Amino acid sequence: ATIFFWLQLPNVTKNYRTALTITGIVTLIATYHYFRIFNSWVAAFNVGLGVNGSYEVTVSGTPFNDAYRYVDWLLTVPLLLVELILVMK
């Protein structure tokens, strides 16, 4: 999505280019953090087959870092609010 937004910059009116650039930044930040959240989950838990043939999730001992979600919100929400203001001008 980030690449699409940035490639569409020349096709958008100059008034909206800054907002579209911010949209690309938001999707880039979100992509990075969601990959980090996924990697943290993979490291923190082991998924395998249980005795009944159902999946069983066990703790690996590595702590799950859910701070990525809050850092993502801390960065992207203000950018989205700025984008909203720019689009509504």
N, C-alpha and C. Protein backbone atom coordinates (compact mmCIF):
# COMPACT_ATOMS: atom_id res chain seq x y z
N ALA A 1 0.82 -1.19 0.00
CA ALA A 1 0.00 0.00 0.00
C ALA A 1 0.87 1.25 0.00
N THR A 2 1.97 1.22 0.74
CA THR A 2 2.84 2.38 0.81
C THR A 2 3.36 2.75 -0.57
N ILE A 3 3.83 1.75 -1.30
CA ILE A 3 4.37 2.01 -2.64
C ILE A 3 3.29 2.55 -3.56
N PHE A 4 2.09 1.98 -3.47
CA PHE A 4 0.98 2.46 -4.30
C PHE A 4 0.69 3.93 -4.01
N PHE A 5 0.59 4.29 -2.73
CA PHE A 5 0.29 5.69 -2.39
C PHE A 5 1.37 6.63 -2.92
N TRP A 6 2.62 6.24 -2.75
CA TRP A 6 3.70 7.13 -3.18
C TRP A 6 3.82 7.19 -4.70
N LEU A 7 3.48 6.10 -5.39
CA LEU A 7 3.50 6.14 -6.86
C LEU A 7 2.35 6.96 -7.42
N GLN A 8 1.28 7.13 -6.67
CA GLN A 8 0.14 7.90 -7.13
C GLN A 8 0.29 9.41 -6.87
N LEU A 9 1.35 9.82 -6.23
CA LEU A 9 1.55 11.25 -5.93
C LEU A 9 1.44 12.15 -7.16
N PRO A 10 2.06 11.81 -8.30
CA PRO A 10 1.93 12.70 -9.46
C PRO A 10 0.51 12.78 -10.03
N ASN A 11 -0.33 11.80 -9.71
CA ASN A 11 -1.69 11.76 -10.25
C ASN A 11 -2.71 12.50 -9.39
N VAL A 12 -2.25 13.06 -8.28
CA VAL A 12 -3.16 13.70 -7.32
C VAL A 12 -2.93 15.21 -7.37
N THR A 13 -3.99 15.97 -7.15
CA THR A 13 -3.88 17.42 -7.10
C THR A 13 -2.87 17.83 -6.03
N LYS A 14 -2.15 18.92 -6.29
CA LYS A 14 -1.11 19.38 -5.37
C LYS A 14 -1.63 19.59 -3.95
N ASN A 15 -2.89 19.94 -3.81
CA ASN A 15 -3.47 20.17 -2.48
C ASN A 15 -3.46 18.91 -1.62
N TYR A 16 -3.51 17.75 -2.25
CA TYR A 16 -3.63 16.49 -1.51
C TYR A 16 -2.33 15.67 -1.47
N ARG A 17 -1.29 16.17 -2.06
CA ARG A 17 -0.03 15.40 -2.11
C ARG A 17 0.58 15.19 -0.73
N THR A 18 0.53 16.21 0.11
CA THR A 18 1.07 16.06 1.46
C THR A 18 0.28 15.01 2.24
N ALA A 19 -1.04 15.03 2.11
CA ALA A 19 -1.88 14.05 2.79
C ALA A 19 -1.58 12.64 2.29
N LEU A 20 -1.36 12.49 0.99
CA LEU A 20 -1.05 11.17 0.43
C LEU A 20 0.33 10.69 0.88
N THR A 21 1.26 11.61 1.01
CA THR A 21 2.58 11.26 1.53
C THR A 21 2.47 10.76 2.96
N ILE A 22 1.66 11.44 3.77
CA ILE A 22 1.45 11.03 5.16
C ILE A 22 0.78 9.66 5.21
N THR A 23 -0.16 9.41 4.30
CA THR A 23 -0.80 8.10 4.23
C THR A 23 0.23 7.00 3.99
N GLY A 24 1.16 7.26 3.09
CA GLY A 24 2.23 6.29 2.83
C GLY A 24 3.11 6.07 4.05
N ILE A 25 3.41 7.14 4.78
CA ILE A 25 4.22 7.02 5.99
C ILE A 25 3.48 6.19 7.04
N VAL A 26 2.18 6.44 7.19
CA VAL A 26 1.37 5.69 8.16
C VAL A 26 1.37 4.20 7.83
N THR A 27 1.17 3.86 6.57
CA THR A 27 1.15 2.44 6.20
C THR A 27 2.53 1.80 6.36
N LEU A 28 3.58 2.56 6.11
CA LEU A 28 4.94 2.05 6.31
C LEU A 28 5.20 1.76 7.79
N ILE A 29 4.83 2.69 8.66
CA ILE A 29 5.00 2.50 10.10
C ILE A 29 4.18 1.30 10.58
N ALA A 30 2.93 1.22 10.13
CA ALA A 30 2.07 0.12 10.55
C ALA A 30 2.61 -1.23 10.07
N THR A 31 3.09 -1.28 8.85
CA THR A 31 3.65 -2.53 8.32
C THR A 31 4.84 -2.99 9.16
N TYR A 32 5.73 -2.06 9.45
CA TYR A 32 6.90 -2.39 10.25
C TYR A 32 6.50 -2.94 11.62
N HIS A 33 5.57 -2.23 12.29
CA HIS A 33 5.19 -2.65 13.64
C HIS A 33 4.43 -3.97 13.65
N TYR A 34 3.58 -4.21 12.65
CA TYR A 34 2.86 -5.47 12.64
C TYR A 34 3.77 -6.65 12.33
N PHE A 35 4.80 -6.45 11.54
CA PHE A 35 5.79 -7.50 11.37
C PHE A 35 6.53 -7.77 12.68
N ARG A 36 6.86 -6.71 13.41
CA ARG A 36 7.53 -6.87 14.70
C ARG A 36 6.62 -7.60 15.70
N ILE A 37 5.32 -7.26 15.70
CA ILE A 37 4.38 -7.94 16.59
C ILE A 37 4.30 -9.42 16.23
N PHE A 38 4.23 -9.72 14.94
CA PHE A 38 4.16 -11.12 14.50
C PHE A 38 5.42 -11.87 14.94
N ASN A 39 6.59 -11.29 14.71
CA ASN A 39 7.84 -11.95 15.10
C ASN A 39 7.94 -12.14 16.61
N SER A 40 7.43 -11.18 17.37
CA SER A 40 7.42 -11.31 18.82
C SER A 40 6.51 -12.44 19.26
N TRP A 41 5.36 -12.57 18.60
CA TRP A 41 4.42 -13.66 18.94
C TRP A 41 5.04 -15.01 18.61
N VAL A 42 5.66 -15.11 17.45
CA VAL A 42 6.29 -16.37 17.04
C VAL A 42 7.37 -16.78 18.03
N ALA A 43 8.13 -15.80 18.53
CA ALA A 43 9.19 -16.11 19.49
C ALA A 43 8.64 -16.45 20.87
N ALA A 44 7.50 -15.90 21.24
CA ALA A 44 6.97 -16.06 22.59
C ALA A 44 6.15 -17.34 22.78
N PHE A 45 5.61 -17.88 21.71
CA PHE A 45 4.72 -19.04 21.83
C PHE A 45 5.12 -20.15 20.87
N ASN A 46 4.86 -21.38 21.29
CA ASN A 46 5.06 -22.55 20.43
C ASN A 46 3.69 -23.16 20.14
N VAL A 47 3.42 -23.39 18.88
CA VAL A 47 2.15 -23.99 18.48
C VAL A 47 2.45 -25.39 17.94
N GLY A 48 1.73 -26.36 18.47
CA GLY A 48 1.93 -27.74 18.02
C GLY A 48 0.65 -28.53 18.20
N LEU A 49 0.70 -29.77 17.78
CA LEU A 49 -0.47 -30.63 17.93
C LEU A 49 -0.52 -31.20 19.35
N GLY A 50 -1.70 -31.13 19.94
CA GLY A 50 -1.91 -31.70 21.26
C GLY A 50 -2.26 -33.17 21.18
N VAL A 51 -2.59 -33.73 22.32
CA VAL A 51 -2.89 -35.18 22.37
C VAL A 51 -4.19 -35.52 21.66
N ASN A 52 -5.14 -34.60 21.61
CA ASN A 52 -6.43 -34.86 20.96
C ASN A 52 -6.42 -34.55 19.47
N GLY A 53 -5.27 -34.16 18.95
CA GLY A 53 -5.20 -33.77 17.54
C GLY A 53 -5.53 -32.31 17.32
N SER A 54 -5.83 -31.59 18.39
CA SER A 54 -6.10 -30.16 18.27
C SER A 54 -4.80 -29.39 18.50
N TYR A 55 -4.81 -28.16 18.10
CA TYR A 55 -3.62 -27.34 18.28
C TYR A 55 -3.45 -26.93 19.73
N GLU A 56 -2.22 -26.89 20.16
CA GLU A 56 -1.91 -26.52 21.53
C GLU A 56 -0.86 -25.41 21.50
N VAL A 57 -1.13 -24.34 22.25
CA VAL A 57 -0.21 -23.21 22.32
C VAL A 57 0.47 -23.23 23.68
N THR A 58 1.80 -23.22 23.66
CA THR A 58 2.57 -23.20 24.91
C THR A 58 3.51 -22.00 24.89
N VAL A 59 3.88 -21.57 26.08
CA VAL A 59 4.78 -20.43 26.23
C VAL A 59 6.21 -20.90 26.03
N SER A 60 6.98 -20.13 25.25
CA SER A 60 8.36 -20.53 24.98
C SER A 60 9.35 -20.00 26.03
N GLY A 61 8.94 -19.01 26.79
CA GLY A 61 9.84 -18.41 27.77
C GLY A 61 10.32 -17.03 27.35
N THR A 62 10.26 -16.75 26.05
CA THR A 62 10.59 -15.42 25.56
C THR A 62 9.37 -14.53 25.77
N PRO A 63 9.52 -13.36 26.38
CA PRO A 63 8.35 -12.51 26.62
C PRO A 63 7.78 -11.94 25.32
N PHE A 64 6.46 -11.85 25.27
CA PHE A 64 5.77 -11.23 24.13
C PHE A 64 5.79 -9.73 24.35
N ASN A 65 6.27 -9.00 23.37
CA ASN A 65 6.37 -7.55 23.48
C ASN A 65 5.18 -6.90 22.77
N ASP A 66 4.18 -6.50 23.53
CA ASP A 66 3.02 -5.84 22.92
C ASP A 66 3.17 -4.33 22.91
N ALA A 67 4.33 -3.82 23.27
CA ALA A 67 4.57 -2.37 23.22
C ALA A 67 4.58 -1.86 21.78
N TYR A 68 4.87 -2.75 20.83
CA TYR A 68 4.87 -2.32 19.42
C TYR A 68 3.52 -1.75 19.01
N ARG A 69 2.46 -2.34 19.52
CA ARG A 69 1.12 -1.86 19.18
C ARG A 69 0.91 -0.43 19.66
N TYR A 70 1.35 -0.15 20.88
CA TYR A 70 1.14 1.18 21.44
C TYR A 70 2.06 2.22 20.82
N VAL A 71 3.26 1.81 20.46
CA VAL A 71 4.16 2.73 19.75
C VAL A 71 3.57 3.03 18.37
N ASP A 72 3.00 2.02 17.74
CA ASP A 72 2.35 2.22 16.45
C ASP A 72 1.23 3.26 16.57
N TRP A 73 0.40 3.10 17.57
CA TRP A 73 -0.69 4.07 17.78
C TRP A 73 -0.14 5.45 18.09
N LEU A 74 0.91 5.51 18.89
CA LEU A 74 1.51 6.79 19.27
C LEU A 74 2.02 7.55 18.05
N LEU A 75 2.51 6.83 17.06
CA LEU A 75 3.04 7.47 15.86
C LEU A 75 1.98 7.71 14.79
N THR A 76 1.10 6.74 14.58
CA THR A 76 0.18 6.84 13.45
C THR A 76 -1.07 7.68 13.72
N VAL A 77 -1.59 7.66 14.92
CA VAL A 77 -2.82 8.42 15.20
C VAL A 77 -2.61 9.93 15.00
N PRO A 78 -1.54 10.53 15.53
CA PRO A 78 -1.34 11.96 15.24
C PRO A 78 -1.14 12.24 13.74
N LEU A 79 -0.45 11.34 13.05
CA LEU A 79 -0.28 11.54 11.61
C LEU A 79 -1.62 11.47 10.88
N LEU A 80 -2.48 10.54 11.29
CA LEU A 80 -3.80 10.44 10.67
C LEU A 80 -4.66 11.68 10.96
N LEU A 81 -4.51 12.24 12.14
CA LEU A 81 -5.26 13.47 12.46
C LEU A 81 -4.76 14.65 11.63
N VAL A 82 -3.45 14.73 11.43
CA VAL A 82 -2.90 15.77 10.57
C VAL A 82 -3.38 15.57 9.14
N GLU A 83 -3.40 14.33 8.69
CA GLU A 83 -3.90 14.03 7.35
C GLU A 83 -5.36 14.44 7.20
N LEU A 84 -6.16 14.17 8.21
CA LEU A 84 -7.57 14.56 8.18
C LEU A 84 -7.72 16.07 8.03
N ILE A 85 -6.93 16.81 8.77
CA ILE A 85 -6.97 18.27 8.69
C ILE A 85 -6.57 18.74 7.30
N LEU A 86 -5.52 18.14 6.74
CA LEU A 86 -5.06 18.53 5.40
C LEU A 86 -6.10 18.23 4.33
N VAL A 87 -6.79 17.12 4.45
CA VAL A 87 -7.79 16.75 3.46
C VAL A 87 -9.02 17.64 3.58
N MET A 88 -9.35 18.07 4.78
CA MET A 88 -10.56 18.89 4.98
C MET A 88 -10.36 20.36 4.67
N LYS A 89 -9.13 20.79 4.40
CA LYS A 89 -8.89 22.21 4.08
C LYS A 89 -9.61 22.62 2.84
